[in-house]
N, C-alpha and C. Protein backbone atom coordinates (compact mmCIF):
# COMPACT_ATOMS: atom_id res chain seq x y z
N MET A 1 176.31 11.00 158.12
CA MET A 1 176.73 9.63 157.97
C MET A 1 176.14 8.81 159.11
N THR A 2 175.57 7.70 158.80
CA THR A 2 175.02 6.80 159.79
C THR A 2 175.92 5.58 159.89
N MET A 3 176.32 5.25 161.09
CA MET A 3 177.14 4.06 161.28
C MET A 3 176.40 3.16 162.25
N HIS A 4 176.27 1.92 161.88
CA HIS A 4 175.51 0.97 162.68
C HIS A 4 176.44 0.22 163.62
N SER A 5 176.00 0.06 164.86
CA SER A 5 176.77 -0.70 165.83
C SER A 5 176.35 -2.16 165.76
N ASP A 6 177.32 -3.05 165.87
CA ASP A 6 177.00 -4.48 165.89
C ASP A 6 177.14 -5.03 167.32
N HIS A 7 177.04 -4.13 168.30
CA HIS A 7 177.09 -4.45 169.73
C HIS A 7 178.43 -5.03 170.17
N THR A 8 179.47 -4.71 169.46
CA THR A 8 180.82 -5.10 169.84
C THR A 8 181.38 -4.02 170.74
N ARG A 9 182.08 -4.41 171.80
CA ARG A 9 182.69 -3.41 172.66
C ARG A 9 183.75 -2.65 171.86
N ILE A 10 183.70 -1.34 171.94
CA ILE A 10 184.57 -0.49 171.12
C ILE A 10 185.61 0.20 172.00
N PRO A 11 186.90 0.01 171.71
CA PRO A 11 187.91 0.74 172.46
C PRO A 11 187.78 2.23 172.17
N GLN A 12 188.12 3.02 173.15
CA GLN A 12 188.02 4.46 172.95
C GLN A 12 188.97 4.91 171.84
N LEU A 13 188.49 5.83 171.03
CA LEU A 13 189.30 6.34 169.92
C LEU A 13 190.60 6.95 170.44
N GLN A 14 190.53 7.64 171.58
CA GLN A 14 191.73 8.24 172.15
C GLN A 14 192.77 7.18 172.48
N ALA A 15 192.33 6.03 172.98
CA ALA A 15 193.25 4.94 173.31
C ALA A 15 193.91 4.41 172.03
N ILE A 16 193.15 4.32 170.96
CA ILE A 16 193.70 3.87 169.68
C ILE A 16 194.74 4.88 169.19
N PHE A 17 194.41 6.18 169.29
CA PHE A 17 195.36 7.23 168.88
C PHE A 17 196.63 7.18 169.72
N GLU A 18 196.48 7.03 171.04
CA GLU A 18 197.65 6.98 171.91
C GLU A 18 198.55 5.79 171.54
N GLY A 19 197.93 4.67 171.24
CA GLY A 19 198.71 3.51 170.80
C GLY A 19 199.46 3.80 169.51
N ALA A 20 198.79 4.43 168.56
CA ALA A 20 199.43 4.77 167.28
C ALA A 20 200.57 5.76 167.50
N LYS A 21 200.35 6.74 168.36
CA LYS A 21 201.39 7.74 168.64
C LYS A 21 202.58 7.11 169.35
N SER A 22 202.33 6.10 170.17
CA SER A 22 203.44 5.44 170.86
C SER A 22 204.35 4.71 169.87
N PHE A 23 203.83 4.43 168.68
CA PHE A 23 204.63 3.82 167.62
C PHE A 23 205.16 4.85 166.63
N GLY A 24 205.03 6.13 166.97
CA GLY A 24 205.64 7.18 166.17
C GLY A 24 204.71 7.94 165.23
N LEU A 25 203.43 7.64 165.23
CA LEU A 25 202.50 8.34 164.34
C LEU A 25 202.11 9.68 164.96
N ARG A 26 202.08 10.71 164.15
CA ARG A 26 201.64 12.02 164.62
C ARG A 26 200.11 12.07 164.67
N GLU A 27 199.57 12.96 165.49
CA GLU A 27 198.13 13.05 165.65
C GLU A 27 197.44 13.43 164.35
N ASP A 28 198.03 14.33 163.57
CA ASP A 28 197.41 14.70 162.29
C ASP A 28 197.36 13.52 161.32
N GLU A 29 198.36 12.65 161.38
CA GLU A 29 198.35 11.45 160.53
C GLU A 29 197.24 10.49 160.97
N ALA A 30 197.03 10.41 162.28
CA ALA A 30 195.96 9.55 162.80
C ALA A 30 194.59 10.07 162.36
N TRP A 31 194.40 11.37 162.41
CA TRP A 31 193.11 11.95 161.98
C TRP A 31 192.89 11.75 160.48
N ARG A 32 193.97 11.83 159.70
CA ARG A 32 193.83 11.55 158.27
C ARG A 32 193.40 10.11 158.03
N ALA A 33 193.93 9.20 158.84
CA ALA A 33 193.54 7.79 158.74
C ALA A 33 192.06 7.62 159.08
N VAL A 34 191.56 8.37 160.06
CA VAL A 34 190.13 8.33 160.40
C VAL A 34 189.30 8.76 159.20
N ASP A 35 189.66 9.89 158.61
CA ASP A 35 188.92 10.40 157.45
C ASP A 35 188.92 9.39 156.30
N GLU A 36 190.09 8.84 156.01
CA GLU A 36 190.19 7.89 154.90
C GLU A 36 189.42 6.61 155.19
N SER A 37 189.42 6.18 156.44
CA SER A 37 188.68 4.97 156.82
C SER A 37 187.19 5.18 156.67
N LEU A 38 186.70 6.34 157.08
CA LEU A 38 185.27 6.64 156.93
C LEU A 38 184.85 6.62 155.47
N ILE A 39 185.68 7.19 154.63
CA ILE A 39 185.39 7.20 153.19
C ILE A 39 185.42 5.77 152.64
N GLU A 40 186.41 5.00 153.05
CA GLU A 40 186.59 3.65 152.53
C GLU A 40 185.43 2.72 152.88
N VAL A 41 184.96 2.75 154.13
CA VAL A 41 183.93 1.81 154.54
C VAL A 41 182.53 2.24 154.12
N GLY A 42 182.32 3.53 153.92
CA GLY A 42 181.02 4.00 153.46
C GLY A 42 180.00 4.17 154.58
N VAL A 43 178.85 4.68 154.21
CA VAL A 43 177.83 5.07 155.18
C VAL A 43 177.09 3.91 155.82
N ASP A 44 177.10 2.75 155.22
CA ASP A 44 176.37 1.61 155.76
C ASP A 44 177.23 0.68 156.59
N ALA A 45 178.44 1.08 156.89
CA ALA A 45 179.36 0.22 157.62
C ALA A 45 178.98 0.13 159.09
N THR A 46 179.33 -0.99 159.69
CA THR A 46 179.19 -1.11 161.14
C THR A 46 180.40 -0.46 161.80
N MET A 47 180.29 -0.20 163.08
CA MET A 47 181.42 0.36 163.82
C MET A 47 182.60 -0.60 163.79
N SER A 48 182.32 -1.87 163.87
CA SER A 48 183.37 -2.88 163.81
C SER A 48 184.12 -2.82 162.48
N GLU A 49 183.40 -2.67 161.39
CA GLU A 49 184.03 -2.56 160.06
C GLU A 49 184.88 -1.30 159.98
N PHE A 50 184.35 -0.20 160.53
CA PHE A 50 185.11 1.06 160.54
C PHE A 50 186.40 0.90 161.33
N LEU A 51 186.31 0.32 162.53
CA LEU A 51 187.49 0.18 163.36
C LEU A 51 188.52 -0.75 162.73
N GLU A 52 188.05 -1.79 162.08
CA GLU A 52 188.98 -2.68 161.37
C GLU A 52 189.73 -1.92 160.29
N GLU A 53 189.02 -1.11 159.54
CA GLU A 53 189.65 -0.30 158.49
C GLU A 53 190.61 0.72 159.10
N LEU A 54 190.17 1.35 160.19
CA LEU A 54 191.00 2.37 160.84
C LEU A 54 192.29 1.77 161.38
N VAL A 55 192.19 0.67 162.08
CA VAL A 55 193.39 0.04 162.65
C VAL A 55 194.35 -0.38 161.54
N GLY A 56 193.81 -0.90 160.45
CA GLY A 56 194.65 -1.25 159.31
C GLY A 56 195.33 -0.03 158.71
N GLY A 57 194.58 1.07 158.60
CA GLY A 57 195.16 2.31 158.06
C GLY A 57 196.24 2.88 158.96
N LEU A 58 195.99 2.84 160.27
CA LEU A 58 197.00 3.32 161.21
C LEU A 58 198.25 2.46 161.15
N ALA A 59 198.06 1.15 161.11
CA ALA A 59 199.20 0.24 161.04
C ALA A 59 200.02 0.48 159.78
N SER A 60 199.34 0.71 158.67
CA SER A 60 200.03 0.98 157.41
C SER A 60 200.87 2.25 157.51
N ARG A 61 200.30 3.28 158.11
CA ARG A 61 201.03 4.54 158.28
C ARG A 61 202.23 4.37 159.22
N ILE A 62 202.04 3.60 160.28
CA ILE A 62 203.14 3.36 161.22
C ILE A 62 204.28 2.63 160.51
N LEU A 63 203.94 1.59 159.76
CA LEU A 63 204.97 0.83 159.04
C LEU A 63 205.69 1.69 158.01
N SER A 64 204.95 2.53 157.31
CA SER A 64 205.57 3.43 156.33
C SER A 64 206.56 4.37 157.01
N GLY A 65 206.17 4.90 158.16
CA GLY A 65 207.06 5.78 158.90
C GLY A 65 208.31 5.05 159.38
N GLN A 66 208.15 3.83 159.84
CA GLN A 66 209.29 3.04 160.28
C GLN A 66 210.23 2.75 159.11
N ARG A 67 209.66 2.43 157.97
CA ARG A 67 210.49 2.15 156.78
C ARG A 67 211.26 3.39 156.36
N ARG A 68 210.61 4.56 156.41
CA ARG A 68 211.32 5.81 156.08
C ARG A 68 212.46 6.04 157.06
N GLY A 69 212.22 5.78 158.34
CA GLY A 69 213.26 5.96 159.36
C GLY A 69 214.44 5.04 159.12
N ILE A 70 214.16 3.79 158.80
CA ILE A 70 215.23 2.82 158.52
C ILE A 70 216.00 3.24 157.28
N SER A 71 215.28 3.69 156.26
CA SER A 71 215.93 4.13 155.03
C SER A 71 216.85 5.32 155.30
N ASN A 72 216.39 6.27 156.12
CA ASN A 72 217.22 7.43 156.46
C ASN A 72 218.45 7.01 157.26
N GLU A 73 218.30 6.05 158.16
CA GLU A 73 219.44 5.56 158.94
C GLU A 73 220.48 4.92 158.04
N ARG A 74 220.03 4.15 157.07
CA ARG A 74 220.97 3.45 156.17
C ARG A 74 221.78 4.41 155.33
N ARG A 75 221.17 5.53 154.93
CA ARG A 75 221.94 6.48 154.12
C ARG A 75 222.51 7.59 154.98
N GLY A 76 222.46 7.44 156.31
CA GLY A 76 223.01 8.49 157.17
C GLY A 76 222.14 9.72 157.09
N GLY A 77 220.85 9.54 157.35
CA GLY A 77 219.86 10.61 157.25
C GLY A 77 220.22 11.82 158.08
N PRO A 78 219.36 12.81 158.06
CA PRO A 78 219.65 14.09 158.70
C PRO A 78 219.86 14.00 160.21
N ASP A 79 219.28 12.99 160.87
CA ASP A 79 219.43 12.89 162.31
C ASP A 79 220.72 12.21 162.74
N GLU A 80 221.34 11.47 161.85
CA GLU A 80 222.55 10.76 162.20
C GLU A 80 223.62 11.01 161.15
N PRO A 81 224.85 11.29 161.60
CA PRO A 81 225.93 11.49 160.63
C PRO A 81 226.30 10.16 159.99
N PRO A 82 226.82 10.19 158.77
CA PRO A 82 227.23 8.95 158.12
C PRO A 82 228.37 8.29 158.90
N VAL A 83 228.41 6.99 158.85
CA VAL A 83 229.45 6.23 159.55
C VAL A 83 230.70 6.23 158.69
N GLY A 84 231.82 6.62 159.28
CA GLY A 84 233.09 6.60 158.55
C GLY A 84 233.66 5.21 158.50
N SER A 85 234.51 4.93 157.52
CA SER A 85 235.05 3.58 157.36
C SER A 85 235.88 3.15 158.57
N GLU A 86 236.50 4.09 159.29
CA GLU A 86 237.29 3.72 160.45
C GLU A 86 236.40 3.23 161.60
N GLU A 87 235.13 3.56 161.59
CA GLU A 87 234.23 3.13 162.64
C GLU A 87 233.65 1.74 162.38
N LEU A 88 233.84 1.20 161.20
CA LEU A 88 233.30 -0.10 160.83
C LEU A 88 234.12 -1.26 161.36
N THR A 89 235.35 -1.04 161.74
CA THR A 89 236.21 -2.15 162.16
C THR A 89 236.11 -2.42 163.63
């Protein structure tokens, strides 16, 4: 695969991963986002286009994870016991 640079300063991939992990994304999920981004942008993409796709993919995964966490909290997911009615007052 050939990727063309458009001479834009590129943040280190590790820094992008660390940022994604700080928002709850696992490293394997971040690598999957890299793979999917490479496929999505194709072989003629610039590095800037790839990074834009990657950041969007990571953000989407982070938001999905947050939504799952909120959904689990609302139904008293496995990490938190359900709230009893006496605790609501």
